[in-house]
Amino acid sequence: MSPASSIPSITAPPPAAKKPPYPFYLGGLAATIAASITHPLDLTKVRLQASGDKRMIESMKKTLRTAGVRGLFDGITGTWMRQMSYSLCRFWAYDESKKLLGANPQSPPWLLAGAGVMAGSIAGIVGNPGEVVMVRLQGDFAKPPEKRFNYKHCFDALFRMVREEGASSLVRGVGPNVFRSVLMNSSQLASYDFFKAELLKTPYFDDNIACHFTASFAAGTVATTVCSPADVLKSRIMNASGPGSSSTIGVIRASLASEGPMFMFKGWVPAWSRLQPTTILIFLTLEQLKRVVDWQRGTL
């Protein structure tokens, strides 16, 4: 036997198998669950932005006094329609955009934000009909009885809008909505990835609920501040129904004349109060849904 043959061969370990992608609908499902829980806060935010109500607590008391607890869930079907169109699309498009840009959670913030911009542009257009339906269903009760739409549910709203106002009603406010969607996805999704990656670099966090909660809390605050101006404009334009009332410039001029520039941050506190728990619930739910998928695949 030669000396070479007596040396045991060293076999390199097989490369780790690439993790298969998660189902595309997980983000939409997580967002729907979160939005259902926080719906009363979202409802109050929309009514504060679109009506004359001044304070969050007073607005919620008014709803409870006039419509009872069920009133806090007015327009819930619109919320479901919106989440399963807009949110499903934005999470899917964000993951695909990161692939196109070669981005990952450790990438620079600007690259993650770029993926968010791409995702927001797509989701803002796809989800606009659901957005209009949701805003109208939520804001209806704040109007005088003679000016209400009185939609029964999201599909009734969708069909009546097309029949009574034409198909163009489905793209009402699409400009501000896409703008807000770009801001939301480039701030919320990108900042969550960024904060999570930064936290995992420290010795204080592991990839668990504490890390997910902290990263999502930071992402929610960033997203609320960045999105507030477009969110206010979107709500006011989509709630309008008269001829010429959907002009973005017209709404801005009228709001500036009557309220000043701070109208862009009207409802920031209820918006933060709604978006913060929603953001936390979305990412906590999404991470747990991913763990369920990993468990089913045997890769947990």
C-alpha atoms as a PDB file:
ATOM      1  CA  MET A   1       0.000   0.000   0.000  1.00  0.00           C
ATOM      2  CA  SER A   2       1.451   3.379  -0.996  1.00  0.00           C
ATOM      3  CA  PRO A   3       1.750   6.182   1.581  1.00  0.00           C
ATOM      4  CA  ALA A   4      -0.746   8.263  -0.363  1.00  0.00           C
ATOM      5  CA  SER A   5      -3.352   5.532  -0.189  1.00  0.00           C
ATOM      6  CA  SER A   6      -2.997   5.281   3.593  1.00  0.00           C
ATOM      7  CA  ILE A   7      -4.063   8.894   4.124  1.00  0.00           C
ATOM      8  CA  PRO A   8      -7.791   9.024   4.779  1.00  0.00           C
ATOM      9  CA  SER A   9      -9.670  11.084   2.256  1.00  0.00           C
ATOM     10  CA  ILE A  10     -11.318  14.275   3.495  1.00  0.00           C
ATOM     11  CA  THR A  11     -14.739  14.834   2.038  1.00  0.00           C
ATOM     12  CA  ALA A  12     -16.020  18.397   1.959  1.00  0.00           C
ATOM     13  CA  PRO A  13     -19.409  18.855   3.622  1.00  0.00           C
ATOM     14  CA  PRO A  14     -22.264  19.169   1.163  1.00  0.00           C
ATOM     15  CA  PRO A  15     -23.397  22.732   0.565  1.00  0.00           C
ATOM     16  CA  ALA A  16     -26.417  23.807   2.578  1.00  0.00           C
ATOM     17  CA  ALA A  17     -29.631  23.425   0.655  1.00  0.00           C
ATOM     18  CA  LYS A  18     -31.143  26.725  -0.415  1.00  0.00           C
ATOM     19  CA  LYS A  19     -34.301  27.478   1.510  1.00  0.00           C
ATOM     20  CA  PRO A  20     -37.345  27.432  -0.793  1.00  0.00           C
ATOM     21  CA  PRO A  21     -39.313  30.676  -0.964  1.00  0.00           C
ATOM     22  CA  TYR A  22     -42.295  31.119   1.303  1.00  0.00           C
ATOM     23  CA  PRO A  23     -45.828  31.163  -0.175  1.00  0.00           C
ATOM     24  CA  PHE A  24     -46.502  34.521  -1.814  1.00  0.00           C
ATOM     25  CA  TYR A  25     -49.732  35.072   0.100  1.00  0.00           C
ATOM     26  CA  LEU A  26     -48.241  35.005   3.623  1.00  0.00           C
ATOM     27  CA  GLY A  27     -47.807  38.777   3.756  1.00  0.00           C
ATOM     28  CA  GLY A  28     -51.406  39.418   2.711  1.00  0.00           C
ATOM     29  CA  LEU A  29     -52.697  36.889   5.233  1.00  0.00           C
ATOM     30  CA  ALA A  30     -50.625  38.405   8.037  1.00  0.00           C
ATOM     31  CA  ALA A  31     -51.799  41.916   7.132  1.00  0.00           C
ATOM     32  CA  THR A  32     -55.449  40.818   7.049  1.00  0.00           C
ATOM     33  CA  ILE A  33     -55.214  39.284  10.524  1.00  0.00           C
ATOM     34  CA  ALA A  34     -53.492  42.397  11.894  1.00  0.00           C
ATOM     35  CA  ALA A  35     -55.902  44.840  10.245  1.00  0.00           C
ATOM     36  CA  SER A  36     -58.922  42.951  11.577  1.00  0.00           C
ATOM     37  CA  ILE A  37     -57.640  43.385  15.130  1.00  0.00           C
ATOM     38  CA  THR A  38     -56.790  47.074  14.758  1.00  0.00           C
ATOM     39  CA  HIS A  39     -59.778  48.018  12.577  1.00  0.00           C
ATOM     40  CA  PRO A  40     -61.401  50.328  15.184  1.00  0.00           C
ATOM     41  CA  LEU A  41     -58.244  52.450  15.298  1.00  0.00           C
ATOM     42  CA  ASP A  42     -58.018  52.628  11.504  1.00  0.00           C
ATOM     43  CA  LEU A  43     -61.697  53.544  11.302  1.00  0.00           C
ATOM     44  CA  THR A  44     -61.201  56.394  13.769  1.00  0.00           C
ATOM     45  CA  LYS A  45     -58.131  57.653  11.900  1.00  0.00           C
ATOM     46  CA  VAL A  46     -60.000  57.832   8.581  1.00  0.00           C
ATOM     47  CA  ARG A  47     -62.928  59.670  10.194  1.00  0.00           C
ATOM     48  CA  LEU A  48     -60.599  62.162  11.859  1.00  0.00           C
ATOM     49  CA  GLN A  49     -58.950  62.894   8.525  1.00  0.00           C
ATOM     50  CA  ALA A  50     -62.143  63.111   6.491  1.00  0.00           C
ATOM     51  CA  SER A  51     -64.598  64.679   8.949  1.00  0.00           C
ATOM     52  CA  GLY A  52     -64.744  67.503  11.416  1.00  0.00           C
ATOM     53  CA  ASP A  53     -63.900  65.372  14.445  1.00  0.00           C
ATOM     54  CA  LYS A  54     -60.937  66.750  16.392  1.00  0.00           C
ATOM     55  CA  ARG A  55     -59.838  64.102  18.869  1.00  0.00           C
ATOM     56  CA  MET A  56     -59.469  60.355  18.729  1.00  0.00           C
ATOM     57  CA  ILE A  57     -61.221  59.516  22.007  1.00  0.00           C
ATOM     58  CA  GLU A  58     -64.170  61.805  21.254  1.00  0.00           C
ATOM     59  CA  SER A  59     -64.516  60.263  17.800  1.00  0.00           C
ATOM     60  CA  MET A  60     -64.578  56.724  19.224  1.00  0.00           C
ATOM     61  CA  LYS A  61     -67.093  57.764  21.906  1.00  0.00           C
ATOM     62  CA  LYS A  62     -69.307  59.278  19.235  1.00  0.00           C
ATOM     63  CA  THR A  63     -69.207  56.025  17.258  1.00  0.00           C
ATOM     64  CA  LEU A  64     -70.012  53.932  20.350  1.00  0.00           C
ATOM     65  CA  ARG A  65     -72.819  56.273  21.356  1.00  0.00           C
ATOM     66  CA  THR A  66     -74.512  56.313  17.971  1.00  0.00           C
ATOM     67  CA  ALA A  67     -73.755  52.831  16.589  1.00  0.00           C
ATOM     68  CA  GLY A  68     -72.603  50.684  19.508  1.00  0.00           C
ATOM     69  CA  VAL A  69     -69.634  48.322  19.505  1.00  0.00           C
ATOM     70  CA  ARG A  70     -70.537  47.074  16.028  1.00  0.00           C
ATOM     71  CA  GLY A  71     -69.973  50.609  14.800  1.00  0.00           C
ATOM     72  CA  LEU A  72     -66.261  50.255  15.539  1.00  0.00           C
ATOM     73  CA  PHE A  73     -66.135  47.579  12.841  1.00  0.00           C
ATOM     74  CA  ASP A  74     -67.966  49.517  10.135  1.00  0.00           C
ATOM     75  CA  GLY A  75     -66.391  48.795   6.767  1.00  0.00           C
ATOM     76  CA  ILE A  76     -64.498  45.687   7.899  1.00  0.00           C
ATOM     77  CA  THR A  77     -65.193  43.982   4.550  1.00  0.00           C
ATOM     78  CA  GLY A  78     -63.489  46.890   2.801  1.00  0.00           C
ATOM     79  CA  THR A  79     -60.473  46.390   5.044  1.00  0.00           C
ATOM     80  CA  TRP A  80     -60.330  42.699   4.087  1.00  0.00           C
ATOM     81  CA  MET A  81     -60.601  43.530   0.379  1.00  0.00           C
ATOM     82  CA  ARG A  82     -57.843  46.087   0.670  1.00  0.00           C
ATOM     83  CA  GLN A  83     -55.456  43.820   2.572  1.00  0.00           C
ATOM     84  CA  MET A  84     -55.916  40.845   0.270  1.00  0.00           C
ATOM     85  CA  SER A  85     -55.198  43.008  -2.770  1.00  0.00           C
ATOM     86  CA  TYR A  86     -52.798  45.772  -1.749  1.00  0.00           C
ATOM     87  CA  SER A  87     -50.939  44.064   1.110  1.00  0.00           C
ATOM     88  CA  LEU A  88     -50.686  40.701  -0.615  1.00  0.00           C
ATOM     89  CA  CYS A  89     -49.242  42.426  -3.673  1.00  0.00           C
ATOM     90  CA  ARG A  90     -46.808  44.644  -1.776  1.00  0.00           C
ATOM     91  CA  PHE A  91     -45.172  41.822   0.201  1.00  0.00           C
ATOM     92  CA  TRP A  92     -44.866  39.679  -2.903  1.00  0.00           C
ATOM     93  CA  ALA A  93     -43.527  42.565  -5.001  1.00  0.00           C
ATOM     94  CA  TYR A  94     -41.053  43.553  -2.272  1.00  0.00           C
ATOM     95  CA  ASP A  95     -39.530  40.078  -2.182  1.00  0.00           C
ATOM     96  CA  GLU A  96     -39.357  39.955  -5.985  1.00  0.00           C
ATOM     97  CA  SER A  97     -37.862  43.463  -6.141  1.00  0.00           C
ATOM     98  CA  LYS A  98     -35.138  42.486  -3.672  1.00  0.00           C
ATOM     99  CA  LYS A  99     -34.254  39.567  -5.939  1.00  0.00           C
ATOM    100  CA  LEU A 100     -34.041  41.867  -8.970  1.00  0.00           C
ATOM    101  CA  LEU A 101     -31.819  44.336  -7.113  1.00  0.00           C
ATOM    102  CA  GLY A 102     -29.744  41.635  -5.457  1.00  0.00           C
ATOM    103  CA  ALA A 103     -30.749  42.955  -2.032  1.00  0.00           C
ATOM    104  CA  ASN A 104     -30.963  41.091   1.255  1.00  0.00           C
ATOM    105  CA  PRO A 105     -31.605  42.161   4.880  1.00  0.00           C
ATOM    106  CA  GLN A 106     -27.901  43.002   5.267  1.00  0.00           C
ATOM    107  CA  SER A 107     -27.929  45.326   2.250  1.00  0.00           C
ATOM    108  CA  PRO A 108     -27.571  49.114   2.631  1.00  0.00           C
ATOM    109  CA  PRO A 109     -30.814  50.924   3.576  1.00  0.00           C
ATOM    110  CA  TRP A 110     -30.981  52.715   0.228  1.00  0.00           C
ATOM    111  CA  LEU A 111     -31.052  49.393  -1.660  1.00  0.00           C
ATOM    112  CA  LEU A 112     -33.829  48.035   0.561  1.00  0.00           C
ATOM    113  CA  ALA A 113     -35.712  51.314   0.124  1.00  0.00           C
ATOM    114  CA  GLY A 114     -35.346  50.943  -3.639  1.00  0.00           C
ATOM    115  CA  ALA A 115     -37.034  47.549  -3.469  1.00  0.00           C
ATOM    116  CA  GLY A 116     -39.764  49.161  -1.373  1.00  0.00           C
ATOM    117  CA  VAL A 117     -40.277  51.882  -3.988  1.00  0.00           C
ATOM    118  CA  MET A 118     -40.701  49.273  -6.718  1.00  0.00           C
ATOM    119  CA  ALA A 119     -43.127  47.242  -4.616  1.00  0.00           C
ATOM    120  CA  GLY A 120     -45.114  50.311  -3.602  1.00  0.00           C
ATOM    121  CA  SER A 121     -45.522  51.461  -7.200  1.00  0.00           C
ATOM    122  CA  ILE A 122     -47.050  48.143  -8.197  1.00  0.00           C
ATOM    123  CA  ALA A 123     -49.169  47.569  -5.094  1.00  0.00           C
ATOM    124  CA  GLY A 124     -50.523  51.128  -5.074  1.00  0.00           C
ATOM    125  CA  ILE A 125     -52.079  50.608  -8.501  1.00  0.00           C
ATOM    126  CA  VAL A 126     -53.289  47.044  -7.938  1.00  0.00           C
ATOM    127  CA  GLY A 127     -54.791  47.864  -4.553  1.00  0.00           C
ATOM    128  CA  ASN A 128     -56.426  51.197  -5.415  1.00  0.00           C
ATOM    129  CA  PRO A 129     -59.993  49.879  -5.926  1.00  0.00           C
ATOM    130  CA  GLY A 130     -59.859  48.134  -2.556  1.00  0.00           C
ATOM    131  CA  GLU A 131     -58.420  51.295  -1.017  1.00  0.00           C
ATOM    132  CA  VAL A 132     -61.303  53.434  -2.318  1.00  0.00           C
ATOM    133  CA  VAL A 133     -63.852  50.899  -1.106  1.00  0.00           C
ATOM    134  CA  MET A 134     -62.252  50.712   2.334  1.00  0.00           C
ATOM    135  CA  VAL A 135     -62.058  54.481   2.798  1.00  0.00           C
ATOM    136  CA  ARG A 136     -65.656  55.010   1.696  1.00  0.00           C
ATOM    137  CA  LEU A 137     -67.028  52.252   3.899  1.00  0.00           C
ATOM    138  CA  GLN A 138     -65.099  53.544   6.906  1.00  0.00           C
ATOM    139  CA  GLY A 139     -65.872  57.221   6.361  1.00  0.00           C
ATOM    140  CA  ASP A 140     -69.554  56.837   5.521  1.00  0.00           C
ATOM    141  CA  PHE A 141     -70.902  57.051   9.055  1.00  0.00           C
ATOM    142  CA  ALA A 142     -69.105  60.356   9.714  1.00  0.00           C
ATOM    143  CA  LYS A 143     -71.135  62.053   6.955  1.00  0.00           C
ATOM    144  CA  PRO A 144     -74.636  63.536   7.251  1.00  0.00           C
ATOM    145  CA  PRO A 145     -77.296  60.888   6.438  1.00  0.00           C
ATOM    146  CA  GLU A 146     -78.216  62.527   3.137  1.00  0.00           C
ATOM    147  CA  LYS A 147     -74.606  62.361   1.892  1.00  0.00           C
ATOM    148  CA  ARG A 148     -73.833  58.757   2.811  1.00  0.00           C
ATOM    149  CA  PHE A 149     -73.138  56.058   0.236  1.00  0.00           C
ATOM    150  CA  ASN A 150     -74.891  53.372   2.334  1.00  0.00           C
ATOM    151  CA  TYR A 151     -72.968  50.475   0.832  1.00  0.00           C
ATOM    152  CA  LYS A 152     -73.882  47.051   2.237  1.00  0.00           C
ATOM    153  CA  HIS A 153     -70.417  45.533   1.932  1.00  0.00           C
ATOM    154  CA  CYS A 154     -67.252  45.723  -0.150  1.00  0.00           C
ATOM    155  CA  PHE A 155     -68.675  44.003  -3.239  1.00  0.00           C
ATOM    156  CA  ASP A 156     -71.816  46.139  -3.182  1.00  0.00           C
ATOM    157  CA  ALA A 157     -69.556  49.194  -3.005  1.00  0.00           C
ATOM    158  CA  LEU A 158     -67.428  47.966  -5.913  1.00  0.00           C
ATOM    159  CA  PHE A 159     -70.399  47.215  -8.183  1.00  0.00           C
ATOM    160  CA  ARG A 160     -72.279  50.407  -7.328  1.00  0.00           C
ATOM    161  CA  MET A 161     -69.238  52.577  -7.878  1.00  0.00           C
ATOM    162  CA  VAL A 162     -68.790  51.178 -11.398  1.00  0.00           C
ATOM    163  CA  ARG A 163     -72.519  51.386 -12.153  1.00  0.00           C
ATOM    164  CA  GLU A 164     -73.178  54.849 -10.711  1.00  0.00           C
ATOM    165  CA  GLU A 165     -69.853  56.636 -11.259  1.00  0.00           C
ATOM    166  CA  GLY A 166     -68.154  54.654 -13.989  1.00  0.00           C
ATOM    167  CA  ALA A 167     -65.038  52.512 -13.939  1.00  0.00           C
ATOM    168  CA  SER A 168     -62.921  55.629 -13.459  1.00  0.00           C
ATOM    169  CA  SER A 169     -64.127  55.764  -9.848  1.00  0.00           C
ATOM    170  CA  LEU A 170     -61.897  52.755  -9.140  1.00  0.00           C
ATOM    171  CA  VAL A 171     -58.807  54.863  -9.834  1.00  0.00           C
ATOM    172  CA  ARG A 172     -59.953  57.875  -7.833  1.00  0.00           C
ATOM    173  CA  GLY A 173     -57.003  59.186  -5.862  1.00  0.00           C
ATOM    174  CA  VAL A 174     -54.612  56.715  -7.491  1.00  0.00           C
ATOM    175  CA  GLY A 175     -51.830  59.329  -7.627  1.00  0.00           C
ATOM    176  CA  PRO A 176     -51.727  60.063  -3.878  1.00  0.00           C
ATOM    177  CA  ASN A 177     -52.362  56.386  -3.151  1.00  0.00           C
ATOM    178  CA  VAL A 178     -49.385  55.221  -5.212  1.00  0.00           C
ATOM    179  CA  PHE A 179     -47.275  57.993  -3.668  1.00  0.00           C
ATOM    180  CA  ARG A 180     -48.305  56.881  -0.180  1.00  0.00           C
ATOM    181  CA  SER A 181     -47.725  53.237  -1.109  1.00  0.00           C
ATOM    182  CA  VAL A 182     -44.199  54.044  -2.270  1.00  0.00           C
ATOM    183  CA  LEU A 183     -43.532  55.908   0.979  1.00  0.00           C
ATOM    184  CA  MET A 184     -45.055  53.134   3.093  1.00  0.00           C
ATOM    185  CA  ASN A 185     -43.150  50.280   1.529  1.00  0.00           C
ATOM    186  CA  SER A 186     -39.836  52.110   1.312  1.00  0.00           C
ATOM    187  CA  SER A 187     -40.150  53.066   4.985  1.00  0.00           C
ATOM    188  CA  GLN A 188     -42.038  50.245   6.706  1.00  0.00           C
ATOM    189  CA  LEU A 189     -40.783  47.127   4.910  1.00  0.00           C
ATOM    190  CA  ALA A 190     -37.270  48.389   4.267  1.00  0.00           C
ATOM    191  CA  SER A 191     -36.800  49.787   7.779  1.00  0.00           C
ATOM    192  CA  TYR A 192     -38.048  46.534   9.344  1.00  0.00           C
ATOM    193  CA  ASP A 193     -35.463  44.547   7.403  1.00  0.00           C
ATOM    194  CA  PHE A 194     -32.797  47.105   8.295  1.00  0.00           C
ATOM    195  CA  PHE A 195     -33.615  47.327  12.010  1.00  0.00           C
ATOM    196  CA  LYS A 196     -33.926  43.555  12.329  1.00  0.00           C
ATOM    197  CA  ALA A 197     -30.534  42.993  10.689  1.00  0.00           C
ATOM    198  CA  GLU A 198     -28.914  45.644  12.895  1.00  0.00           C
ATOM    199  CA  LEU A 199     -30.426  44.183  16.069  1.00  0.00           C
ATOM    200  CA  LEU A 200     -29.196  40.711  15.173  1.00  0.00           C
ATOM    201  CA  LYS A 201     -25.657  42.095  14.897  1.00  0.00           C
ATOM    202  CA  THR A 202     -25.727  42.954  18.598  1.00  0.00           C
ATOM    203  CA  PRO A 203     -25.239  40.399  21.401  1.00  0.00           C
ATOM    204  CA  TYR A 204     -28.594  41.347  22.911  1.00  0.00           C
ATOM    205  CA  PHE A 205     -30.983  39.920  20.311  1.00  0.00           C
ATOM    206  CA  ASP A 206     -31.657  36.593  18.646  1.00  0.00           C
ATOM    207  CA  ASP A 207     -34.084  35.902  15.813  1.00  0.00           C
ATOM    208  CA  ASN A 208     -37.113  35.731  18.091  1.00  0.00           C
ATOM    209  CA  ILE A 209     -40.224  37.643  19.115  1.00  0.00           C
ATOM    210  CA  ALA A 210     -38.274  40.251  21.118  1.00  0.00           C
ATOM    211  CA  CYS A 211     -36.217  41.128  18.049  1.00  0.00           C
ATOM    212  CA  HIS A 212     -39.247  41.144  15.743  1.00  0.00           C
ATOM    213  CA  PHE A 213     -41.203  43.358  18.167  1.00  0.00           C
ATOM    214  CA  THR A 214     -38.405  45.920  18.539  1.00  0.00           C
ATOM    215  CA  ALA A 215     -37.718  46.115  14.799  1.00  0.00           C
ATOM    216  CA  SER A 216     -41.401  46.458  13.935  1.00  0.00           C
ATOM    217  CA  PHE A 217     -41.921  49.143  16.610  1.00  0.00           C
ATOM    218  CA  ALA A 218     -39.160  51.252  15.054  1.00  0.00           C
ATOM    219  CA  ALA A 219     -40.484  50.585  11.543  1.00  0.00           C
ATOM    220  CA  GLY A 220     -44.008  51.666  12.533  1.00  0.00           C
ATOM    221  CA  THR A 221     -42.825  55.016  13.870  1.00  0.00           C
ATOM    222  CA  VAL A 222     -40.745  55.719  10.777  1.00  0.00           C
ATOM    223  CA  ALA A 223     -43.587  54.760   8.441  1.00  0.00           C
ATOM    224  CA  THR A 224     -46.224  56.870  10.240  1.00  0.00           C
ATOM    225  CA  THR A 225     -44.155  60.043   9.998  1.00  0.00           C
ATOM    226  CA  VAL A 226     -43.123  59.501   6.385  1.00  0.00           C
ATOM    227  CA  CYS A 227     -46.613  58.606   5.160  1.00  0.00           C
ATOM    228  CA  SER A 228     -48.779  61.119   7.018  1.00  0.00           C
ATOM    229  CA  PRO A 229     -49.077  63.823   4.289  1.00  0.00           C
ATOM    230  CA  ALA A 230     -50.017  61.384   1.528  1.00  0.00           C
ATOM    231  CA  ASP A 231     -52.352  59.502   3.869  1.00  0.00           C
ATOM    232  CA  VAL A 232     -54.347  62.647   4.675  1.00  0.00           C
ATOM    233  CA  LEU A 233     -54.620  63.628   1.006  1.00  0.00           C
ATOM    234  CA  LYS A 234     -55.659  60.102  -0.001  1.00  0.00           C
ATOM    235  CA  SER A 235     -58.475  59.982   2.563  1.00  0.00           C
ATOM    236  CA  ARG A 236     -59.849  63.401   1.609  1.00  0.00           C
ATOM    237  CA  ILE A 237     -59.758  62.772  -2.136  1.00  0.00           C
ATOM    238  CA  MET A 238     -61.261  59.292  -1.962  1.00  0.00           C
ATOM    239  CA  ASN A 239     -64.090  60.479   0.296  1.00  0.00           C
ATOM    240  CA  ALA A 240     -65.060  63.218  -2.164  1.00  0.00           C
ATOM    241  CA  SER A 241     -67.876  62.522  -4.588  1.00  0.00           C
ATOM    242  CA  GLY A 242     -68.752  65.832  -6.249  1.00  0.00           C
ATOM    243  CA  PRO A 243     -67.523  66.889  -9.718  1.00  0.00           C
ATOM    244  CA  GLY A 244     -64.022  68.315  -9.597  1.00  0.00           C
ATOM    245  CA  SER A 245     -63.646  67.380  -5.945  1.00  0.00           C
ATOM    246  CA  SER A 246     -61.043  64.695  -6.627  1.00  0.00           C
ATOM    247  CA  SER A 247     -58.354  67.113  -7.837  1.00  0.00           C
ATOM    248  CA  THR A 248     -55.226  66.675  -5.741  1.00  0.00           C
ATOM    249  CA  ILE A 249     -54.183  70.307  -6.269  1.00  0.00           C
ATOM    250  CA  GLY A 250     -57.684  71.485  -5.394  1.00  0.00           C
ATOM    251  CA  VAL A 251     -57.724  69.531  -2.149  1.00  0.00           C
ATOM    252  CA  ILE A 252     -54.266  70.819  -1.201  1.00  0.00           C
ATOM    253  CA  ARG A 253     -55.219  74.446  -1.897  1.00  0.00           C
ATOM    254  CA  ALA A 254     -58.483  74.220   0.025  1.00  0.00           C
ATOM    255  CA  SER A 255     -56.837  72.484   2.983  1.00  0.00           C
ATOM    256  CA  LEU A 256     -53.939  74.960   3.104  1.00  0.00           C
ATOM    257  CA  ALA A 257     -56.331  77.902   2.975  1.00  0.00           C
ATOM    258  CA  SER A 258     -58.531  76.646   5.804  1.00  0.00           C
ATOM    259  CA  GLU A 259     -56.074  74.780   8.039  1.00  0.00           C
ATOM    260  CA  GLY A 260     -52.518  75.738   7.126  1.00  0.00           C
ATOM    261  CA  PRO A 261     -49.609  73.420   6.258  1.00  0.00           C
ATOM    262  CA  MET A 262     -50.003  71.324   9.409  1.00  0.00           C
ATOM    263  CA  PHE A 263     -53.123  69.740   7.886  1.00  0.00           C
ATOM    264  CA  MET A 264     -50.689  67.218   6.356  1.00  0.00           C
ATOM    265  CA  PHE A 265     -50.096  65.792   9.821  1.00  0.00           C
ATOM    266  CA  LYS A 266     -53.691  65.912  10.988  1.00  0.00           C
ATOM    267  CA  GLY A 267     -54.501  62.643  12.692  1.00  0.00           C
ATOM    268  CA  TRP A 268     -50.817  61.728  13.234  1.00  0.00           C
ATOM    269  CA  VAL A 269     -51.458  60.420  16.755  1.00  0.00           C
ATOM    270  CA  PRO A 270     -54.369  58.150  15.749  1.00  0.00           C
ATOM    271  CA  ALA A 271     -52.416  57.189  12.628  1.00  0.00           C
ATOM    272  CA  TRP A 272     -49.437  56.201  14.801  1.00  0.00           C
ATOM    273  CA  SER A 273     -51.764  54.538  17.313  1.00  0.00           C
ATOM    274  CA  ARG A 274     -53.220  52.483  14.492  1.00  0.00           C
ATOM    275  CA  LEU A 275     -50.132  51.864  12.359  1.00  0.00           C
ATOM    276  CA  GLN A 276     -47.852  51.015  15.269  1.00  0.00           C
ATOM    277  CA  PRO A 277     -49.830  48.008  16.563  1.00  0.00           C
ATOM    278  CA  THR A 278     -50.708  47.057  12.993  1.00  0.00           C
ATOM    279  CA  THR A 279     -47.040  47.056  11.967  1.00  0.00           C
ATOM    280  CA  ILE A 280     -46.082  45.038  15.041  1.00  0.00           C
ATOM    281  CA  LEU A 281     -48.906  42.554  14.493  1.00  0.00           C
ATOM    282  CA  ILE A 282     -48.135  42.212  10.777  1.00  0.00           C
ATOM    283  CA  PHE A 283     -44.481  41.321  11.271  1.00  0.00           C
ATOM    284  CA  LEU A 284     -44.998  39.194  14.367  1.00  0.00           C
ATOM    285  CA  THR A 285     -47.747  37.276  12.547  1.00  0.00           C
ATOM    286  CA  LEU A 286     -45.692  37.009   9.365  1.00  0.00           C
ATOM    287  CA  GLU A 287     -42.664  35.646  11.227  1.00  0.00           C
ATOM    288  CA  GLN A 288     -44.840  33.077  12.993  1.00  0.00           C
ATOM    289  CA  LEU A 289     -46.503  32.051   9.726  1.00  0.00           C
ATOM    290  CA  LYS A 290     -43.037  31.517   8.273  1.00  0.00           C
ATOM    291  CA  ARG A 291     -42.172  29.322  11.262  1.00  0.00           C
ATOM    292  CA  VAL A 292     -45.308  27.278  10.619  1.00  0.00           C
ATOM    293  CA  VAL A 293     -44.241  26.807   6.991  1.00  0.00           C
ATOM    294  CA  ASP A 294     -40.730  25.818   8.126  1.00  0.00           C
ATOM    295  CA  TRP A 295     -42.237  23.335  10.584  1.00  0.00           C
ATOM    296  CA  GLN A 296     -44.411  21.820   7.854  1.00  0.00           C
ATOM    297  CA  ARG A 297     -41.383  21.506   5.591  1.00  0.00           C
ATOM    298  CA  GLY A 298     -39.283  20.027   8.394  1.00  0.00           C
ATOM    299  CA  THR A 299     -36.735  22.831   8.157  1.00  0.00           C
ATOM    300  CA  LEU A 300     -37.480  24.490  11.510  1.00  0.00           C
END
